[in-house]
Amino acid sequence: MIIGVDMGASAVKICALEGDAIVFTHYEHGRGGDIPALLARLGLDAQKAELIALTGLSAKNSGLEALGRPVKYIPEPESIGEGACWLTGRDNLIVASIGTGTAFVHARGGEYEHLCGTGVGGGTLKGLAVKLLGLSDMREFDRLAMRGDCGRGDLLIGDFVESYGILDPEITASNLARLDPTATDADWAAGVANLVLQIIGTMSLLACTSSGAAGVAIIGALAGTEPSRANFAKFQRVYGKDFLIPEHSACATAIGAARRARCV
């Protein structure tokens, strides 16, 4: 068994692999902390692990060396790229890893290049949800956003012209610019989700086009939410590029670290 641990800025992701089988995944909010104690609480016996793979922003504070098992640090871009390619079964991808912020990695032929990043990510969405709507429960925010109409908050291309070259009339011209006094909290939630996800989608698309990548993989805790799936499905429909959200997307980087640790 190989254990993978991804220690991010605001969450810890853990997986266990037996060969090519994913036998355990866990996502826990909170930065760092006592990882050996967390593994014990989860019933994951680290003493049975042949190797522990470690990655992420907070990885130096794991305390895993105290377990007496081999610990291997895997650079985050490699973990992101390996996890996304293996989970999607695809190669030559731009991987958008949405955590507190968002990192963009080009994964191709077993090589992983960090292209850029943005401070816009899950942390941005949570901050706006709290300040604008008083919501700290992001599952409640997601449900609210899916009931809303972002067209009551956003200005769309179709508000100005029936068609504009290849641009779909449903494409956003300006986020949250309509200022409709009848917009509900659900409409504002949809608009806020749209703002964050469209920034990530647009950066992914630009990276994909400039690098010659075949498509985009979206990973991280935000990837599997309903607003994300709806937003990136629209990107795929409008721009003709694959936007893939794999199973286990929240723990994809931990999975990538565990797989990468076997061959480096």
Protein backbone atom coordinates (compact mmCIF):
# COMPACT_ATOMS: atom_id res chain seq x y z
CA MET A 1 0.00 0.00 0.00
CA ILE A 2 1.12 3.53 -0.83
CA ILE A 3 -0.41 6.45 1.03
CA GLY A 4 -0.63 9.82 -0.69
CA VAL A 5 -1.02 13.05 1.30
CA ASP A 6 -1.68 16.46 -0.24
CA MET A 7 -1.39 19.26 2.31
CA GLY A 8 -2.86 22.42 0.81
CA ALA A 9 -3.47 25.94 2.11
CA SER A 10 -6.89 25.11 3.55
CA ALA A 11 -7.43 21.34 3.31
CA VAL A 12 -5.70 17.96 3.56
CA LYS A 13 -6.39 15.25 0.99
CA ILE A 14 -5.42 11.61 1.60
CA CYS A 15 -5.53 8.48 -0.52
CA ALA A 16 -4.33 4.90 -0.36
CA LEU A 17 -3.42 2.82 -3.40
CA GLU A 18 -3.09 -0.95 -3.67
CA GLY A 19 -1.41 -1.45 -7.02
CA ASP A 20 -3.58 0.50 -9.45
CA ALA A 21 -6.64 0.37 -7.22
CA ILE A 22 -7.76 3.39 -5.20
CA VAL A 23 -8.84 1.82 -1.91
CA PHE A 24 -9.27 4.94 0.21
CA THR A 25 -9.79 8.70 -0.20
CA HIS A 26 -10.49 11.41 2.32
CA TYR A 27 -10.85 15.20 2.17
CA GLU A 28 -10.58 17.25 5.36
CA HIS A 29 -10.80 21.02 5.79
CA GLY A 30 -7.97 22.61 7.75
CA ARG A 31 -4.34 23.40 7.11
CA GLY A 32 -1.61 21.04 8.27
CA GLY A 33 -1.99 19.64 11.74
CA ASP A 34 -0.97 16.26 13.10
CA ILE A 35 -1.15 14.03 10.02
CA PRO A 36 -0.12 10.82 11.84
CA ALA A 37 -3.01 11.40 14.27
CA LEU A 38 -5.37 12.05 11.34
CA LEU A 39 -4.34 8.80 9.65
CA ALA A 40 -4.94 6.92 12.91
CA ARG A 41 -8.37 8.54 13.35
CA LEU A 42 -9.31 7.51 9.82
CA GLY A 43 -8.26 3.92 10.50
CA LEU A 44 -5.46 4.03 7.94
CA ASP A 45 -2.55 2.00 9.32
CA ALA A 46 0.56 3.83 8.17
CA GLN A 47 2.77 1.01 9.44
CA LYS A 48 1.41 -1.16 6.62
CA ALA A 49 2.43 1.39 4.00
CA GLU A 50 5.49 0.59 1.92
CA LEU A 51 5.78 4.30 1.17
CA ILE A 52 4.11 7.60 2.03
CA ALA A 53 4.03 10.20 -0.74
CA LEU A 54 3.75 13.82 0.34
CA THR A 55 2.96 16.96 -1.66
CA GLY A 56 1.39 20.39 -1.27
CA LEU A 57 2.01 23.86 0.08
CA SER A 58 2.07 22.82 3.75
CA ALA A 59 3.90 19.51 3.29
CA LYS A 60 6.93 20.45 5.39
CA ASN A 61 4.78 20.43 8.53
CA SER A 62 3.36 16.92 8.18
CA GLY A 63 5.14 15.15 11.05
CA LEU A 64 5.04 11.95 8.96
CA GLU A 65 8.74 11.17 9.42
CA ALA A 66 7.95 10.26 13.05
CA LEU A 67 6.09 7.16 11.84
CA GLY A 68 9.34 5.51 10.77
CA ARG A 69 8.08 4.72 7.27
CA PRO A 70 9.74 5.91 4.04
CA VAL A 71 8.41 9.36 3.11
CA LYS A 72 8.96 10.79 -0.35
CA TYR A 73 8.17 14.40 -1.29
CA ILE A 74 6.73 14.83 -4.79
CA PRO A 75 6.66 18.33 -6.34
CA GLU A 76 3.11 19.60 -6.65
CA PRO A 77 3.06 20.13 -10.46
CA GLU A 78 4.08 16.49 -10.95
CA SER A 79 1.40 15.32 -8.52
CA ILE A 80 -1.26 17.45 -10.21
CA GLY A 81 -0.37 16.30 -13.71
CA GLU A 82 0.08 12.63 -12.87
CA GLY A 83 -3.19 12.45 -10.95
CA ALA A 84 -5.24 14.20 -13.64
CA CYS A 85 -3.83 12.16 -16.53
CA TRP A 86 -4.28 8.84 -14.74
CA LEU A 87 -7.81 9.58 -13.55
CA THR A 88 -8.97 10.81 -16.97
CA GLY A 89 -7.02 8.25 -19.01
CA ARG A 90 -5.85 11.12 -21.20
CA ASP A 91 -2.57 12.82 -22.05
CA ASN A 92 -1.54 16.27 -23.30
CA LEU A 93 -3.86 18.13 -20.95
CA ILE A 94 -4.00 21.49 -19.27
CA VAL A 95 -4.79 20.68 -15.64
CA ALA A 96 -6.57 23.35 -13.63
CA SER A 97 -6.12 22.42 -9.97
CA ILE A 98 -8.67 24.47 -8.03
CA GLY A 99 -7.76 24.79 -4.40
CA THR A 100 -7.79 27.98 -2.36
CA GLY A 101 -6.30 29.50 -5.51
CA THR A 102 -5.79 27.77 -8.85
CA ALA A 103 -2.67 26.29 -10.48
CA PHE A 104 -2.34 25.46 -14.18
CA VAL A 105 -0.10 22.58 -15.28
CA HIS A 106 0.60 21.24 -18.77
CA ALA A 107 0.81 17.45 -18.57
CA ARG A 108 2.24 15.68 -21.61
CA GLY A 109 4.14 12.44 -22.07
CA GLY A 110 4.97 12.03 -18.38
CA GLU A 111 6.34 15.57 -18.10
CA TYR A 112 4.60 18.23 -16.05
CA GLU A 113 5.15 21.97 -16.52
CA HIS A 114 3.71 24.54 -14.17
CA LEU A 115 2.48 27.30 -16.48
CA CYS A 116 0.97 29.84 -14.13
CA GLY A 117 -1.51 30.32 -11.33
CA THR A 118 -4.14 32.71 -10.07
CA GLY A 119 -5.32 33.74 -6.63
CA VAL A 120 -8.88 33.14 -7.85
CA GLY A 121 -10.17 29.79 -6.61
CA GLY A 122 -12.23 28.13 -3.93
CA GLY A 123 -11.03 30.62 -1.32
CA THR A 124 -12.29 33.49 -3.48
CA LEU A 125 -15.67 31.86 -3.86
CA LYS A 126 -15.99 31.25 -0.12
CA GLY A 127 -14.93 34.80 0.73
CA LEU A 128 -17.50 36.30 -1.65
CA ALA A 129 -20.20 33.91 -0.41
CA VAL A 130 -19.60 34.99 3.19
CA LYS A 131 -19.37 38.73 2.52
CA LEU A 132 -22.14 39.06 -0.08
CA LEU A 133 -24.60 36.41 1.06
CA GLY A 134 -23.65 35.54 4.64
CA LEU A 135 -23.10 31.89 3.67
CA SER A 136 -20.15 29.92 5.05
CA ASP A 137 -21.59 26.49 4.19
CA MET A 138 -20.45 26.00 0.59
CA ARG A 139 -22.83 23.10 0.00
CA GLU A 140 -25.69 25.46 0.80
CA PHE A 141 -24.11 28.05 -1.50
CA ASP A 142 -23.94 25.52 -4.35
CA ARG A 143 -27.61 24.62 -3.94
CA LEU A 144 -28.55 28.31 -3.91
CA ALA A 145 -26.44 29.04 -7.00
CA MET A 146 -28.07 26.22 -8.96
CA ARG A 147 -31.51 27.77 -8.26
CA GLY A 148 -30.40 31.19 -9.48
CA ASP A 149 -30.20 32.83 -12.89
CA CYS A 150 -26.77 34.39 -13.48
CA GLY A 151 -28.33 36.28 -16.42
CA ARG A 152 -30.04 38.51 -13.85
CA GLY A 153 -26.66 39.57 -12.51
CA ASP A 154 -24.40 39.30 -15.56
CA LEU A 155 -24.53 41.17 -18.84
CA LEU A 156 -24.42 38.74 -21.78
CA ILE A 157 -23.25 39.12 -25.38
CA GLY A 158 -26.86 38.57 -26.39
CA ASP A 159 -27.90 41.70 -24.48
CA PHE A 160 -26.08 43.78 -27.09
CA VAL A 161 -26.15 41.83 -30.37
CA GLU A 162 -27.88 38.73 -31.72
CA SER A 163 -24.55 37.28 -32.82
CA TYR A 164 -20.92 38.36 -32.74
CA GLY A 165 -18.64 36.18 -34.83
CA ILE A 166 -18.16 32.82 -33.15
CA LEU A 167 -19.28 34.11 -29.75
CA ASP A 168 -22.39 32.49 -28.34
CA PRO A 169 -25.07 35.02 -27.21
CA GLU A 170 -25.03 33.28 -23.80
CA ILE A 171 -21.38 34.17 -23.18
CA THR A 172 -20.85 36.66 -20.37
CA ALA A 173 -19.92 40.15 -21.51
CA SER A 174 -19.47 41.52 -17.97
CA ASN A 175 -19.81 39.65 -14.68
CA LEU A 176 -22.22 41.07 -12.08
CA ALA A 177 -22.72 44.24 -14.15
CA ARG A 178 -26.48 44.13 -14.72
CA LEU A 179 -27.35 45.37 -11.21
CA ASP A 180 -30.94 44.20 -11.54
CA PRO A 181 -32.79 45.35 -8.39
CA THR A 182 -35.08 42.31 -8.60
CA ALA A 183 -32.18 39.82 -8.50
CA THR A 184 -32.53 37.34 -5.65
CA ASP A 185 -29.83 35.88 -3.40
CA ALA A 186 -29.95 32.79 -5.62
CA ASP A 187 -29.27 34.97 -8.68
CA TRP A 188 -26.33 36.63 -6.92
CA ALA A 189 -24.98 33.23 -5.88
CA ALA A 190 -25.18 32.05 -9.49
CA GLY A 191 -23.40 35.21 -10.63
CA VAL A 192 -20.63 34.87 -8.05
CA ALA A 193 -20.07 31.21 -8.97
CA ASN A 194 -20.04 32.22 -12.63
CA LEU A 195 -17.43 34.93 -11.98
CA VAL A 196 -14.95 32.59 -10.28
CA LEU A 197 -15.47 29.60 -12.56
CA GLN A 198 -15.37 31.63 -15.77
CA ILE A 199 -12.02 33.14 -14.80
CA ILE A 200 -10.64 29.62 -14.27
CA GLY A 201 -12.27 28.32 -17.45
CA THR A 202 -10.98 31.21 -19.56
CA MET A 203 -7.42 30.86 -18.25
CA SER A 204 -7.60 27.10 -18.90
CA LEU A 205 -8.82 27.71 -22.45
CA LEU A 206 -6.06 30.24 -23.18
CA ALA A 207 -3.41 27.87 -21.81
CA CYS A 208 -4.88 25.02 -23.86
CA THR A 209 -4.85 27.05 -27.07
CA SER A 210 -1.36 28.49 -26.62
CA SER A 211 0.26 25.18 -25.62
CA GLY A 212 -1.44 22.93 -28.17
CA ALA A 213 -2.96 20.75 -25.44
CA ALA A 214 -5.79 18.43 -26.44
CA GLY A 215 -8.13 19.39 -23.62
CA VAL A 216 -8.54 20.51 -20.02
CA ALA A 217 -8.86 18.51 -16.80
CA ILE A 218 -10.41 20.21 -13.77
CA ILE A 219 -9.41 18.84 -10.36
CA GLY A 220 -9.73 19.93 -6.74
CA ALA A 221 -12.63 20.07 -4.30
CA LEU A 222 -14.50 22.69 -6.32
CA ALA A 223 -14.34 20.62 -9.52
CA GLY A 224 -17.09 18.19 -8.66
CA THR A 225 -19.71 20.72 -7.53
CA GLU A 226 -22.86 21.24 -9.58
CA PRO A 227 -22.01 24.86 -10.49
CA SER A 228 -18.59 23.69 -11.74
CA ARG A 229 -20.00 20.88 -13.84
CA ALA A 230 -22.60 23.18 -15.39
CA ASN A 231 -20.10 25.95 -16.08
CA PHE A 232 -17.39 23.81 -17.63
CA ALA A 233 -19.93 21.85 -19.69
CA LYS A 234 -20.88 25.21 -21.21
CA PHE A 235 -17.20 25.96 -21.95
CA GLN A 236 -16.93 22.61 -23.73
CA ARG A 237 -20.08 23.24 -25.77
CA VAL A 238 -19.19 26.80 -26.77
CA TYR A 239 -15.46 26.41 -27.44
CA GLY A 240 -15.24 22.80 -28.60
CA LYS A 241 -12.50 21.76 -26.15
CA ASP A 242 -12.91 18.87 -23.71
CA PHE A 243 -13.29 19.97 -20.09
CA LEU A 244 -12.91 16.77 -18.07
CA ILE A 245 -13.84 16.37 -14.40
CA PRO A 246 -12.67 12.93 -13.25
CA GLU A 247 -13.92 10.78 -10.41
CA HIS A 248 -11.93 11.41 -7.20
CA SER A 249 -11.18 14.93 -8.45
CA ALA A 250 -10.96 16.33 -4.91
CA CYS A 251 -8.08 13.95 -4.08
CA ALA A 252 -6.46 13.88 -7.53
CA THR A 253 -3.22 15.53 -6.42
CA ALA A 254 -2.75 13.10 -3.51
CA ILE A 255 -3.41 10.23 -5.93
CA GLY A 256 -0.89 11.67 -8.38
CA ALA A 257 1.74 11.95 -5.63
CA ALA A 258 1.21 8.32 -4.62
CA ARG A 259 1.54 7.10 -8.20
CA ARG A 260 4.51 9.32 -8.96
CA ALA A 261 6.35 8.15 -5.83
CA ARG A 262 6.60 4.64 -7.28
CA CYS A 263 8.62 5.72 -10.29
CA VAL A 264 10.85 8.62 -9.16
